[in-house]
């Protein structure tokens, strides 16, 4: 399983950006998917999750501004970000939790940099 994230870049505060994460291999629809981010000097944090059934969750810091979605036909998960703030600047990673016989196996993408200028 390989994850390829893209869509990062430089955006002004208040702007929008959409990240994509394409997942190779079969069984995508069974995966729980998530986006994390890591700012310089900070720990990696969960910012959006979506289950195989489509339930989503967000921390308060991005709720109402970020939306995670998935397209099982394209093996892709998206993160729509709006009303971006300087503090959203970070490397964004996608993660797949793939069900196995013994639990979930975790896979990470390579990260894509989002820079928000104030």
C-alpha atoms as a PDB file:
ATOM      1  CA  UNK A   1       0.000   0.000   0.000  1.00  0.00           C
ATOM      2  CA  UNK A   2       1.375   3.391  -0.996  1.00  0.00           C
ATOM      3  CA  UNK A   3      -0.086   6.811  -0.336  1.00  0.00           C
ATOM      4  CA  UNK A   4       0.678   9.792  -2.544  1.00  0.00           C
ATOM      5  CA  UNK A   5      -0.373  13.165  -1.168  1.00  0.00           C
ATOM      6  CA  UNK A   6      -0.445  16.299  -3.262  1.00  0.00           C
ATOM      7  CA  UNK A   7      -2.045  19.716  -3.437  1.00  0.00           C
ATOM      8  CA  UNK A   8       0.049  21.656  -0.976  1.00  0.00           C
ATOM      9  CA  UNK A   9       1.446  25.067  -1.724  1.00  0.00           C
ATOM     10  CA  UNK A  10       1.527  28.706  -0.737  1.00  0.00           C
ATOM     11  CA  UNK A  11      -1.775  30.433  -0.040  1.00  0.00           C
ATOM     12  CA  UNK A  12      -2.757  33.714   1.561  1.00  0.00           C
ATOM     13  CA  UNK A  13      -4.564  33.819   4.859  1.00  0.00           C
ATOM     14  CA  UNK A  14      -8.278  33.467   4.306  1.00  0.00           C
ATOM     15  CA  UNK A  15      -7.755  31.405   1.193  1.00  0.00           C
ATOM     16  CA  UNK A  16      -8.572  27.813   0.354  1.00  0.00           C
ATOM     17  CA  UNK A  17      -6.677  24.742  -0.712  1.00  0.00           C
ATOM     18  CA  UNK A  18      -7.597  21.147  -1.457  1.00  0.00           C
ATOM     19  CA  UNK A  19      -5.280  18.277  -0.709  1.00  0.00           C
ATOM     20  CA  UNK A  20      -5.567  14.866  -2.309  1.00  0.00           C
ATOM     21  CA  UNK A  21      -4.177  11.524  -1.274  1.00  0.00           C
ATOM     22  CA  UNK A  22      -4.239   8.641  -3.724  1.00  0.00           C
ATOM     23  CA  UNK A  23      -3.912   5.161  -2.280  1.00  0.00           C
ATOM     24  CA  UNK A  24      -2.558   2.246  -4.265  1.00  0.00           C
ATOM     25  CA  UNK A  25      -3.728  -1.303  -3.887  1.00  0.00           C
ATOM     26  CA  UNK A  26      -7.089  -2.900  -3.426  1.00  0.00           C
ATOM     27  CA  UNK A  27      -9.479  -2.601  -0.528  1.00  0.00           C
ATOM     28  CA  UNK A  28      -9.477   1.182  -0.228  1.00  0.00           C
ATOM     29  CA  UNK A  29     -13.139   1.331   0.689  1.00  0.00           C
ATOM     30  CA  UNK A  30     -12.463  -0.694   3.839  1.00  0.00           C
ATOM     31  CA  UNK A  31      -9.785   1.677   5.087  1.00  0.00           C
ATOM     32  CA  UNK A  32     -10.290   4.332   7.688  1.00  0.00           C
ATOM     33  CA  UNK A  33      -8.475   7.398   6.388  1.00  0.00           C
ATOM     34  CA  UNK A  34      -7.109  10.471   8.106  1.00  0.00           C
ATOM     35  CA  UNK A  35      -5.134  13.638   7.623  1.00  0.00           C
ATOM     36  CA  UNK A  36      -2.499  14.764  10.077  1.00  0.00           C
ATOM     37  CA  UNK A  37      -0.236  17.758  10.124  1.00  0.00           C
ATOM     38  CA  UNK A  38       3.051  18.646  11.700  1.00  0.00           C
ATOM     39  CA  UNK A  39       4.230  22.201  12.144  1.00  0.00           C
ATOM     40  CA  UNK A  40       7.895  23.009  12.809  1.00  0.00           C
ATOM     41  CA  UNK A  41       8.825  22.166  16.369  1.00  0.00           C
ATOM     42  CA  UNK A  42       5.461  20.596  17.107  1.00  0.00           C
ATOM     43  CA  UNK A  43       4.078  17.107  17.338  1.00  0.00           C
ATOM     44  CA  UNK A  44       2.088  15.565  14.547  1.00  0.00           C
ATOM     45  CA  UNK A  45      -1.609  16.073  15.158  1.00  0.00           C
ATOM     46  CA  UNK A  46      -4.784  14.548  13.791  1.00  0.00           C
ATOM     47  CA  UNK A  47      -6.884  17.097  11.952  1.00  0.00           C
ATOM     48  CA  UNK A  48      -9.492  15.037  10.130  1.00  0.00           C
ATOM     49  CA  UNK A  49     -10.646  11.447   9.991  1.00  0.00           C
ATOM     50  CA  UNK A  50     -13.155   9.540   7.918  1.00  0.00           C
ATOM     51  CA  UNK A  51     -14.218   5.983   8.516  1.00  0.00           C
ATOM     52  CA  UNK A  52     -14.955   3.369   5.899  1.00  0.00           C
ATOM     53  CA  UNK A  53     -18.611   4.156   6.516  1.00  0.00           C
ATOM     54  CA  UNK A  54     -18.134   7.863   5.914  1.00  0.00           C
ATOM     55  CA  UNK A  55     -18.261   9.193   9.459  1.00  0.00           C
ATOM     56  CA  UNK A  56     -15.982  12.154   9.972  1.00  0.00           C
ATOM     57  CA  UNK A  57     -14.294  13.764  12.935  1.00  0.00           C
ATOM     58  CA  UNK A  58     -12.303  16.944  13.430  1.00  0.00           C
ATOM     59  CA  UNK A  59     -10.574  18.711  16.285  1.00  0.00           C
ATOM     60  CA  UNK A  60     -11.979  22.069  17.316  1.00  0.00           C
ATOM     61  CA  UNK A  61      -9.033  23.867  15.730  1.00  0.00           C
ATOM     62  CA  UNK A  62     -10.241  23.064  12.204  1.00  0.00           C
ATOM     63  CA  UNK A  63     -13.911  22.221  12.668  1.00  0.00           C
ATOM     64  CA  UNK A  64     -16.035  24.252  10.304  1.00  0.00           C
ATOM     65  CA  UNK A  65     -13.058  25.155   8.121  1.00  0.00           C
ATOM     66  CA  UNK A  66     -11.746  21.769   6.952  1.00  0.00           C
ATOM     67  CA  UNK A  67     -13.702  18.974   5.291  1.00  0.00           C
ATOM     68  CA  UNK A  68     -12.473  15.462   4.686  1.00  0.00           C
ATOM     69  CA  UNK A  69     -14.080  13.336   2.003  1.00  0.00           C
ATOM     70  CA  UNK A  70     -13.353  10.203   0.062  1.00  0.00           C
ATOM     71  CA  UNK A  71     -13.976   8.802  -3.385  1.00  0.00           C
ATOM     72  CA  UNK A  72     -13.803   5.043  -3.203  1.00  0.00           C
ATOM     73  CA  UNK A  73     -13.991   4.717  -6.970  1.00  0.00           C
ATOM     74  CA  UNK A  74     -10.769   6.717  -7.262  1.00  0.00           C
ATOM     75  CA  UNK A  75      -9.055   5.341  -4.150  1.00  0.00           C
ATOM     76  CA  UNK A  76      -8.593   8.914  -3.034  1.00  0.00           C
ATOM     77  CA  UNK A  77      -9.207  10.932   0.096  1.00  0.00           C
ATOM     78  CA  UNK A  78      -9.436  14.714   0.053  1.00  0.00           C
ATOM     79  CA  UNK A  79      -9.016  17.527   2.507  1.00  0.00           C
ATOM     80  CA  UNK A  80     -10.759  20.762   1.600  1.00  0.00           C
ATOM     81  CA  UNK A  81      -9.338  23.609   3.639  1.00  0.00           C
ATOM     82  CA  UNK A  82     -10.868  27.054   3.783  1.00  0.00           C
ATOM     83  CA  UNK A  83     -10.442  30.215   5.839  1.00  0.00           C
ATOM     84  CA  UNK A  84      -6.811  29.271   6.201  1.00  0.00           C
ATOM     85  CA  UNK A  85      -4.752  30.858   8.930  1.00  0.00           C
ATOM     86  CA  UNK A  86      -1.027  31.307   9.384  1.00  0.00           C
ATOM     87  CA  UNK A  87      -1.130  28.670  12.122  1.00  0.00           C
ATOM     88  CA  UNK A  88      -2.328  26.107   9.581  1.00  0.00           C
ATOM     89  CA  UNK A  89       1.153  26.169   8.067  1.00  0.00           C
ATOM     90  CA  UNK A  90       2.527  22.649   8.330  1.00  0.00           C
ATOM     91  CA  UNK A  91       3.402  19.503   6.457  1.00  0.00           C
ATOM     92  CA  UNK A  92       0.201  17.568   5.901  1.00  0.00           C
ATOM     93  CA  UNK A  93       0.199  13.786   5.886  1.00  0.00           C
ATOM     94  CA  UNK A  94      -2.461  11.287   4.936  1.00  0.00           C
ATOM     95  CA  UNK A  95      -2.784   8.015   6.758  1.00  0.00           C
ATOM     96  CA  UNK A  96      -4.577   4.789   5.969  1.00  0.00           C
ATOM     97  CA  UNK A  97      -5.724   2.333   8.626  1.00  0.00           C
ATOM     98  CA  UNK A  98      -6.183  -0.901   6.736  1.00  0.00           C
ATOM     99  CA  UNK A  99      -8.076  -3.739   8.387  1.00  0.00           C
ATOM    100  CA  UNK A 100      -6.222  -7.010   8.708  1.00  0.00           C
ATOM    101  CA  UNK A 101      -6.907 -10.299  10.433  1.00  0.00           C
ATOM    102  CA  UNK A 102      -5.118  -9.075  13.575  1.00  0.00           C
ATOM    103  CA  UNK A 103      -6.239  -5.451  13.675  1.00  0.00           C
ATOM    104  CA  UNK A 104      -5.340  -2.382  11.664  1.00  0.00           C
ATOM    105  CA  UNK A 105      -2.137  -1.797   9.705  1.00  0.00           C
ATOM    106  CA  UNK A 106      -1.100   1.846   9.380  1.00  0.00           C
ATOM    107  CA  UNK A 107       0.326   3.423   6.246  1.00  0.00           C
ATOM    108  CA  UNK A 108       1.534   6.998   5.791  1.00  0.00           C
ATOM    109  CA  UNK A 109       1.967   9.239   2.803  1.00  0.00           C
ATOM    110  CA  UNK A 110       5.065  11.346   2.256  1.00  0.00           C
ATOM    111  CA  UNK A 111       3.560  14.669   3.270  1.00  0.00           C
ATOM    112  CA  UNK A 112       2.767  17.828   1.389  1.00  0.00           C
ATOM    113  CA  UNK A 113       3.711  21.295   2.603  1.00  0.00           C
ATOM    114  CA  UNK A 114       1.071  23.947   3.138  1.00  0.00           C
ATOM    115  CA  UNK A 115       2.274  27.474   3.785  1.00  0.00           C
ATOM    116  CA  UNK A 116      -0.212  30.173   4.724  1.00  0.00           C
ATOM    117  CA  UNK A 117       1.054  33.711   4.468  1.00  0.00           C
ATOM    118  CA  UNK A 118      -0.438  36.338   6.731  1.00  0.00           C
END
